[in-house]
């Protein structure tokens, strides 16, 4: 199924706390959409809103209420968002892994100090309690409500990818937010073109079976969105 001539779908890559770049990218998206004929406007955020960059809190605020008038918007779950969510439920199980993957920056954006002893159960529990108190209820609901994928033929939007050879409706959430090589190295026809983030590359990737848009925004300064329409895919980048 092809998109209609006026339709514009924008798939936004991993933001990782860079609210400044997200603001700039929203501006580019608005300008791009204004040049297109009337049609559907959809922005899909591919996950990883938190960690590493300085303003995870601000990113979640913006994604919950994006500055994209006339757009429908979706927010998918990334593995970092998953770790943050599950840290709040089980700090002993998920805390050490999250702390080693940029959690300190996220916690600081909420005014909370990360624990120095990440394998100390009491320290991890205290950090979880402090973050839970600082986290606005709307942010907790946002994390709980993130979906693992969105199907919009001819595209499938997902954070990391899918397992080749497995039907879309049988994919595991774990694969959709964590998979790398098995998906990246596959030339299989998945039935839909998979639009994903998660795996950083210097430039967005365009292959017959997948489109990758994670350009390492938190350190490169380049936050990328794929522009999908009835024409060939193209990209916007800060």
C-alpha atoms as a PDB file:
ATOM      1  CA  UNK A   1       0.000   0.000   0.000  1.00  0.00           C
ATOM      2  CA  UNK A   2       1.396   3.400  -1.004  1.00  0.00           C
ATOM      3  CA  UNK A   3       0.914   6.708   0.760  1.00  0.00           C
ATOM      4  CA  UNK A   4      -1.296   9.366  -0.797  1.00  0.00           C
ATOM      5  CA  UNK A   5       0.453  12.256  -2.607  1.00  0.00           C
ATOM      6  CA  UNK A   6      -0.102  14.799   0.168  1.00  0.00           C
ATOM      7  CA  UNK A   7       0.736  12.508   3.080  1.00  0.00           C
ATOM      8  CA  UNK A   8       3.853  13.215   5.104  1.00  0.00           C
ATOM      9  CA  UNK A   9       5.085  10.832   7.783  1.00  0.00           C
ATOM     10  CA  UNK A  10       8.103  11.897   9.859  1.00  0.00           C
ATOM     11  CA  UNK A  11      10.074   9.329  11.852  1.00  0.00           C
ATOM     12  CA  UNK A  12      12.226  10.994  14.516  1.00  0.00           C
ATOM     13  CA  UNK A  13      15.346   9.189  15.708  1.00  0.00           C
ATOM     14  CA  UNK A  14      16.825   8.781  19.191  1.00  0.00           C
ATOM     15  CA  UNK A  15      16.710  12.100  21.072  1.00  0.00           C
ATOM     16  CA  UNK A  16      18.532  11.157  24.306  1.00  0.00           C
ATOM     17  CA  UNK A  17      17.920  14.276  26.331  1.00  0.00           C
ATOM     18  CA  UNK A  18      18.616  16.814  23.578  1.00  0.00           C
ATOM     19  CA  UNK A  19      15.520  18.988  23.843  1.00  0.00           C
ATOM     20  CA  UNK A  20      17.373  21.764  22.015  1.00  0.00           C
ATOM     21  CA  UNK A  21      17.786  19.589  18.938  1.00  0.00           C
ATOM     22  CA  UNK A  22      14.203  18.376  19.135  1.00  0.00           C
ATOM     23  CA  UNK A  23      12.975  21.976  19.073  1.00  0.00           C
ATOM     24  CA  UNK A  24      15.067  22.635  15.977  1.00  0.00           C
ATOM     25  CA  UNK A  25      13.892  19.459  14.264  1.00  0.00           C
ATOM     26  CA  UNK A  26      10.255  20.275  14.956  1.00  0.00           C
ATOM     27  CA  UNK A  27      10.875  23.587  13.205  1.00  0.00           C
ATOM     28  CA  UNK A  28      12.325  21.821  10.161  1.00  0.00           C
ATOM     29  CA  UNK A  29       9.382  19.415  10.098  1.00  0.00           C
ATOM     30  CA  UNK A  30       6.863  22.251  10.211  1.00  0.00           C
ATOM     31  CA  UNK A  31       8.567  24.018   7.309  1.00  0.00           C
ATOM     32  CA  UNK A  32       8.795  20.814   5.280  1.00  0.00           C
ATOM     33  CA  UNK A  33       5.152  19.884   5.845  1.00  0.00           C
ATOM     34  CA  UNK A  34       3.998  23.367   4.880  1.00  0.00           C
ATOM     35  CA  UNK A  35       5.446  22.877   1.395  1.00  0.00           C
ATOM     36  CA  UNK A  36       3.457  19.691   0.736  1.00  0.00           C
ATOM     37  CA  UNK A  37      -0.054  19.411  -0.704  1.00  0.00           C
ATOM     38  CA  UNK A  38      -2.878  18.840   1.792  1.00  0.00           C
ATOM     39  CA  UNK A  39      -2.824  15.398   3.332  1.00  0.00           C
ATOM     40  CA  UNK A  40      -2.189  13.396   6.453  1.00  0.00           C
ATOM     41  CA  UNK A  41       0.547  14.556   8.828  1.00  0.00           C
ATOM     42  CA  UNK A  42       2.042  12.075  11.285  1.00  0.00           C
ATOM     43  CA  UNK A  43       5.170  12.328  13.459  1.00  0.00           C
ATOM     44  CA  UNK A  44       6.434   9.089  14.999  1.00  0.00           C
ATOM     45  CA  UNK A  45       9.048   9.355  17.741  1.00  0.00           C
ATOM     46  CA  UNK A  46      11.105   6.160  17.645  1.00  0.00           C
ATOM     47  CA  UNK A  47      12.060   6.076  21.316  1.00  0.00           C
ATOM     48  CA  UNK A  48      15.051   6.740  23.579  1.00  0.00           C
ATOM     49  CA  UNK A  49      13.894  10.084  24.920  1.00  0.00           C
ATOM     50  CA  UNK A  50      16.018   9.824  28.070  1.00  0.00           C
ATOM     51  CA  UNK A  51      19.656   9.354  29.159  1.00  0.00           C
ATOM     52  CA  UNK A  52      23.014  10.745  28.064  1.00  0.00           C
ATOM     53  CA  UNK A  53      21.902  14.245  27.013  1.00  0.00           C
ATOM     54  CA  UNK A  54      21.203  16.999  29.568  1.00  0.00           C
ATOM     55  CA  UNK A  55      17.413  17.452  29.378  1.00  0.00           C
ATOM     56  CA  UNK A  56      15.494  14.191  29.452  1.00  0.00           C
ATOM     57  CA  UNK A  57      12.729  15.862  31.427  1.00  0.00           C
ATOM     58  CA  UNK A  58      12.350  18.559  28.790  1.00  0.00           C
ATOM     59  CA  UNK A  59      12.306  16.001  25.984  1.00  0.00           C
ATOM     60  CA  UNK A  60       9.429  14.102  27.580  1.00  0.00           C
ATOM     61  CA  UNK A  61       7.535  17.363  28.073  1.00  0.00           C
ATOM     62  CA  UNK A  62       7.936  18.164  24.391  1.00  0.00           C
ATOM     63  CA  UNK A  63       7.075  14.695  23.098  1.00  0.00           C
ATOM     64  CA  UNK A  64       3.907  14.664  25.204  1.00  0.00           C
ATOM     65  CA  UNK A  65       2.863  18.006  23.637  1.00  0.00           C
ATOM     66  CA  UNK A  66       4.878  18.444  20.423  1.00  0.00           C
ATOM     67  CA  UNK A  67       4.985  21.802  18.682  1.00  0.00           C
ATOM     68  CA  UNK A  68       3.519  20.348  15.484  1.00  0.00           C
ATOM     69  CA  UNK A  69       0.096  21.907  14.816  1.00  0.00           C
ATOM     70  CA  UNK A  70      -2.131  19.793  12.595  1.00  0.00           C
ATOM     71  CA  UNK A  71      -0.095  16.616  13.202  1.00  0.00           C
ATOM     72  CA  UNK A  72      -1.059  13.324  14.725  1.00  0.00           C
ATOM     73  CA  UNK A  73       1.841  12.111  16.868  1.00  0.00           C
ATOM     74  CA  UNK A  74       3.001   8.822  18.339  1.00  0.00           C
ATOM     75  CA  UNK A  75       5.695   7.920  20.861  1.00  0.00           C
ATOM     76  CA  UNK A  76       7.256   4.458  20.711  1.00  0.00           C
ATOM     77  CA  UNK A  77       9.274   2.749  23.422  1.00  0.00           C
ATOM     78  CA  UNK A  78      13.064   2.683  23.303  1.00  0.00           C
ATOM     79  CA  UNK A  79      15.298   0.461  25.398  1.00  0.00           C
ATOM     80  CA  UNK A  80      16.433   3.399  27.551  1.00  0.00           C
ATOM     81  CA  UNK A  81      12.833   4.397  28.268  1.00  0.00           C
ATOM     82  CA  UNK A  82      12.162   0.757  29.136  1.00  0.00           C
ATOM     83  CA  UNK A  83      15.066   0.696  31.598  1.00  0.00           C
ATOM     84  CA  UNK A  84      13.900   3.898  33.280  1.00  0.00           C
ATOM     85  CA  UNK A  85      10.337   2.623  33.570  1.00  0.00           C
ATOM     86  CA  UNK A  86      11.424  -0.693  35.008  1.00  0.00           C
ATOM     87  CA  UNK A  87      13.909   0.909  37.388  1.00  0.00           C
ATOM     88  CA  UNK A  88      10.933   2.608  39.007  1.00  0.00           C
ATOM     89  CA  UNK A  89       9.284  -0.795  39.460  1.00  0.00           C
ATOM     90  CA  UNK A  90      12.352  -2.885  40.350  1.00  0.00           C
ATOM     91  CA  UNK A  91      15.517  -0.874  41.123  1.00  0.00           C
ATOM     92  CA  UNK A  92      17.567  -3.908  42.114  1.00  0.00           C
ATOM     93  CA  UNK A  93      16.938  -5.742  38.842  1.00  0.00           C
ATOM     94  CA  UNK A  94      17.190  -2.801  36.440  1.00  0.00           C
ATOM     95  CA  UNK A  95      19.162  -0.207  38.374  1.00  0.00           C
ATOM     96  CA  UNK A  96      22.765  -1.250  37.668  1.00  0.00           C
ATOM     97  CA  UNK A  97      22.185  -1.638  33.934  1.00  0.00           C
ATOM     98  CA  UNK A  98      20.385   1.678  33.671  1.00  0.00           C
ATOM     99  CA  UNK A  99      23.066   3.474  35.702  1.00  0.00           C
ATOM    100  CA  UNK A 100      25.722   2.248  33.287  1.00  0.00           C
ATOM    101  CA  UNK A 101      23.762   3.577  30.308  1.00  0.00           C
ATOM    102  CA  UNK A 102      23.292   7.254  31.048  1.00  0.00           C
ATOM    103  CA  UNK A 103      20.793   7.281  33.906  1.00  0.00           C
ATOM    104  CA  UNK A 104      22.708   9.902  35.884  1.00  0.00           C
ATOM    105  CA  UNK A 105      21.930  12.570  33.275  1.00  0.00           C
ATOM    106  CA  UNK A 106      18.245  11.677  33.339  1.00  0.00           C
ATOM    107  CA  UNK A 107      18.060  11.735  37.122  1.00  0.00           C
ATOM    108  CA  UNK A 108      19.872  15.087  37.225  1.00  0.00           C
ATOM    109  CA  UNK A 109      17.264  16.577  34.875  1.00  0.00           C
ATOM    110  CA  UNK A 110      14.694  15.786  37.610  1.00  0.00           C
ATOM    111  CA  UNK A 111      16.923  17.190  40.353  1.00  0.00           C
ATOM    112  CA  UNK A 112      17.890  13.768  41.708  1.00  0.00           C
ATOM    113  CA  UNK A 113      21.421  12.485  42.358  1.00  0.00           C
ATOM    114  CA  UNK A 114      22.373   9.082  40.969  1.00  0.00           C
ATOM    115  CA  UNK A 115      23.613   6.545  43.541  1.00  0.00           C
ATOM    116  CA  UNK A 116      27.360   6.090  43.799  1.00  0.00           C
ATOM    117  CA  UNK A 117      27.087   2.427  44.801  1.00  0.00           C
ATOM    118  CA  UNK A 118      25.046   0.855  42.034  1.00  0.00           C
ATOM    119  CA  UNK A 119      25.125  -2.640  43.538  1.00  0.00           C
ATOM    120  CA  UNK A 120      24.040  -1.486  46.994  1.00  0.00           C
ATOM    121  CA  UNK A 121      20.367  -2.434  47.394  1.00  0.00           C
ATOM    122  CA  UNK A 122      19.623   0.319  49.911  1.00  0.00           C
ATOM    123  CA  UNK A 123      21.282   2.982  47.743  1.00  0.00           C
ATOM    124  CA  UNK A 124      19.366   1.860  44.675  1.00  0.00           C
ATOM    125  CA  UNK A 125      16.061   1.764  46.520  1.00  0.00           C
ATOM    126  CA  UNK A 126      16.669   5.263  47.909  1.00  0.00           C
ATOM    127  CA  UNK A 127      17.480   6.553  44.418  1.00  0.00           C
ATOM    128  CA  UNK A 128      14.319   4.989  43.020  1.00  0.00           C
ATOM    129  CA  UNK A 129      12.233   6.567  45.785  1.00  0.00           C
ATOM    130  CA  UNK A 130      13.783   9.996  45.141  1.00  0.00           C
ATOM    131  CA  UNK A 131      13.152   9.757  41.401  1.00  0.00           C
ATOM    132  CA  UNK A 132       9.592   8.535  41.925  1.00  0.00           C
ATOM    133  CA  UNK A 133       8.888  11.590  44.101  1.00  0.00           C
ATOM    134  CA  UNK A 134      10.420  13.983  41.567  1.00  0.00           C
ATOM    135  CA  UNK A 135       8.803  12.452  38.495  1.00  0.00           C
ATOM    136  CA  UNK A 136       5.592  14.233  37.448  1.00  0.00           C
ATOM    137  CA  UNK A 137       2.655  11.788  37.311  1.00  0.00           C
ATOM    138  CA  UNK A 138       2.194  12.628  33.625  1.00  0.00           C
ATOM    139  CA  UNK A 139       5.775  11.502  32.915  1.00  0.00           C
ATOM    140  CA  UNK A 140       5.220   8.203  34.691  1.00  0.00           C
ATOM    141  CA  UNK A 141       2.037   7.694  32.663  1.00  0.00           C
ATOM    142  CA  UNK A 142       3.947   8.570  29.496  1.00  0.00           C
ATOM    143  CA  UNK A 143       6.551   5.876  30.198  1.00  0.00           C
ATOM    144  CA  UNK A 144       3.881   3.331  31.027  1.00  0.00           C
ATOM    145  CA  UNK A 145       1.934   4.099  27.854  1.00  0.00           C
ATOM    146  CA  UNK A 146       4.707   3.804  25.267  1.00  0.00           C
ATOM    147  CA  UNK A 147       3.959   1.309  22.508  1.00  0.00           C
ATOM    148  CA  UNK A 148       6.582  -1.031  20.961  1.00  0.00           C
ATOM    149  CA  UNK A 149       5.658  -0.455  17.309  1.00  0.00           C
ATOM    150  CA  UNK A 150       3.339   1.214  14.830  1.00  0.00           C
ATOM    151  CA  UNK A 151       2.262  -0.289  11.523  1.00  0.00           C
ATOM    152  CA  UNK A 152       1.488   2.177   8.727  1.00  0.00           C
ATOM    153  CA  UNK A 153       1.883   0.363   5.382  1.00  0.00           C
ATOM    154  CA  UNK A 154       4.206   0.251   3.614  1.00  0.00           C
ATOM    155  CA  UNK A 155       6.138   1.033   6.816  1.00  0.00           C
ATOM    156  CA  UNK A 156       6.619  -0.485  10.237  1.00  0.00           C
ATOM    157  CA  UNK A 157       7.945   1.918  12.868  1.00  0.00           C
ATOM    158  CA  UNK A 158       9.898   0.416  15.752  1.00  0.00           C
ATOM    159  CA  UNK A 159      12.778   1.448  17.981  1.00  0.00           C
ATOM    160  CA  UNK A 160      15.436  -1.185  17.273  1.00  0.00           C
ATOM    161  CA  UNK A 161      14.136  -3.549  14.591  1.00  0.00           C
ATOM    162  CA  UNK A 162      12.491  -6.926  14.262  1.00  0.00           C
ATOM    163  CA  UNK A 163      13.647 -10.526  14.147  1.00  0.00           C
ATOM    164  CA  UNK A 164      13.886 -11.697  10.532  1.00  0.00           C
ATOM    165  CA  UNK A 165      11.565 -14.554   9.624  1.00  0.00           C
ATOM    166  CA  UNK A 166       9.101 -13.849  12.455  1.00  0.00           C
ATOM    167  CA  UNK A 167       5.700 -12.353  11.517  1.00  0.00           C
ATOM    168  CA  UNK A 168       5.211  -8.800  12.728  1.00  0.00           C
ATOM    169  CA  UNK A 169       2.328  -9.751  15.020  1.00  0.00           C
ATOM    170  CA  UNK A 170       4.553 -12.361  16.715  1.00  0.00           C
ATOM    171  CA  UNK A 171       7.573 -10.153  17.378  1.00  0.00           C
ATOM    172  CA  UNK A 172       8.700  -9.887  20.997  1.00  0.00           C
ATOM    173  CA  UNK A 173       8.930  -6.522  22.732  1.00  0.00           C
ATOM    174  CA  UNK A 174      12.490  -7.432  23.734  1.00  0.00           C
ATOM    175  CA  UNK A 175      13.551  -7.730  20.097  1.00  0.00           C
ATOM    176  CA  UNK A 176      11.710  -4.604  19.036  1.00  0.00           C
ATOM    177  CA  UNK A 177      13.605  -2.465  21.556  1.00  0.00           C
ATOM    178  CA  UNK A 178      16.980  -4.258  21.744  1.00  0.00           C
ATOM    179  CA  UNK A 179      17.829  -6.205  18.564  1.00  0.00           C
ATOM    180  CA  UNK A 180      20.876  -5.229  16.520  1.00  0.00           C
ATOM    181  CA  UNK A 181      23.022  -7.471  14.284  1.00  0.00           C
ATOM    182  CA  UNK A 182      20.444 -10.114  13.390  1.00  0.00           C
ATOM    183  CA  UNK A 183      18.221  -7.348  12.061  1.00  0.00           C
ATOM    184  CA  UNK A 184      20.828  -4.940  10.705  1.00  0.00           C
ATOM    185  CA  UNK A 185      22.656  -7.649   8.750  1.00  0.00           C
ATOM    186  CA  UNK A 186      19.508  -9.146   7.231  1.00  0.00           C
ATOM    187  CA  UNK A 187      18.482  -8.537   3.636  1.00  0.00           C
ATOM    188  CA  UNK A 188      15.156 -10.334   4.146  1.00  0.00           C
ATOM    189  CA  UNK A 189      11.916  -8.877   2.876  1.00  0.00           C
ATOM    190  CA  UNK A 190       9.971  -8.204   6.078  1.00  0.00           C
ATOM    191  CA  UNK A 191       6.739  -7.446   4.235  1.00  0.00           C
ATOM    192  CA  UNK A 192       6.991  -3.845   5.407  1.00  0.00           C
ATOM    193  CA  UNK A 193       9.927  -1.427   5.325  1.00  0.00           C
ATOM    194  CA  UNK A 194      11.133  -1.152   8.916  1.00  0.00           C
ATOM    195  CA  UNK A 195      11.860   2.399  10.093  1.00  0.00           C
ATOM    196  CA  UNK A 196      14.065   2.331  13.197  1.00  0.00           C
ATOM    197  CA  UNK A 197      16.570   4.054  15.452  1.00  0.00           C
ATOM    198  CA  UNK A 198      18.748   2.437  18.185  1.00  0.00           C
ATOM    199  CA  UNK A 199      21.850   1.698  16.081  1.00  0.00           C
ATOM    200  CA  UNK A 200      23.975   4.810  15.592  1.00  0.00           C
ATOM    201  CA  UNK A 201      25.444   5.620  12.190  1.00  0.00           C
ATOM    202  CA  UNK A 202      27.125   8.815  10.930  1.00  0.00           C
ATOM    203  CA  UNK A 203      24.417   9.196   8.280  1.00  0.00           C
ATOM    204  CA  UNK A 204      20.848   7.920   8.075  1.00  0.00           C
ATOM    205  CA  UNK A 205      20.632   4.533   6.373  1.00  0.00           C
ATOM    206  CA  UNK A 206      18.375   3.666   3.450  1.00  0.00           C
ATOM    207  CA  UNK A 207      18.074   0.043   2.389  1.00  0.00           C
ATOM    208  CA  UNK A 208      15.329  -1.839   0.542  1.00  0.00           C
ATOM    209  CA  UNK A 209      14.069  -3.447   3.764  1.00  0.00           C
ATOM    210  CA  UNK A 210      14.863  -0.806   6.421  1.00  0.00           C
ATOM    211  CA  UNK A 211      15.484   2.877   7.101  1.00  0.00           C
ATOM    212  CA  UNK A 212      17.730   3.830  10.050  1.00  0.00           C
ATOM    213  CA  UNK A 213      17.596   7.317  11.567  1.00  0.00           C
ATOM    214  CA  UNK A 214      19.752   7.223  14.724  1.00  0.00           C
ATOM    215  CA  UNK A 215      22.595   9.636  14.035  1.00  0.00           C
ATOM    216  CA  UNK A 216      23.856   9.884  17.624  1.00  0.00           C
ATOM    217  CA  UNK A 217      22.174  13.188  18.440  1.00  0.00           C
ATOM    218  CA  UNK A 218      23.381  13.386  22.038  1.00  0.00           C
ATOM    219  CA  UNK A 219      27.027  13.714  20.981  1.00  0.00           C
ATOM    220  CA  UNK A 220      26.910  14.535  17.253  1.00  0.00           C
ATOM    221  CA  UNK A 221      24.389  17.363  17.424  1.00  0.00           C
ATOM    222  CA  UNK A 222      22.533  15.791  14.502  1.00  0.00           C
ATOM    223  CA  UNK A 223      18.983  14.679  15.258  1.00  0.00           C
ATOM    224  CA  UNK A 224      17.430  13.113  12.174  1.00  0.00           C
ATOM    225  CA  UNK A 225      13.936  12.456  10.883  1.00  0.00           C
ATOM    226  CA  UNK A 226      12.980  10.355   7.871  1.00  0.00           C
ATOM    227  CA  UNK A 227      10.432  12.025   5.593  1.00  0.00           C
ATOM    228  CA  UNK A 228       8.108   9.424   4.122  1.00  0.00           C
ATOM    229  CA  UNK A 229       5.640  10.211   1.370  1.00  0.00           C
ATOM    230  CA  UNK A 230       4.504   8.888  -2.002  1.00  0.00           C
ATOM    231  CA  UNK A 231       7.951   9.893  -3.266  1.00  0.00           C
ATOM    232  CA  UNK A 232      11.335   8.416  -2.323  1.00  0.00           C
ATOM    233  CA  UNK A 233      12.291   8.678   1.359  1.00  0.00           C
ATOM    234  CA  UNK A 234      14.488  11.603   2.331  1.00  0.00           C
ATOM    235  CA  UNK A 235      15.830  13.059   5.564  1.00  0.00           C
ATOM    236  CA  UNK A 236      15.826  16.178   7.711  1.00  0.00           C
ATOM    237  CA  UNK A 237      18.628  16.727  10.202  1.00  0.00           C
ATOM    238  CA  UNK A 238      19.693  19.410  12.668  1.00  0.00           C
END
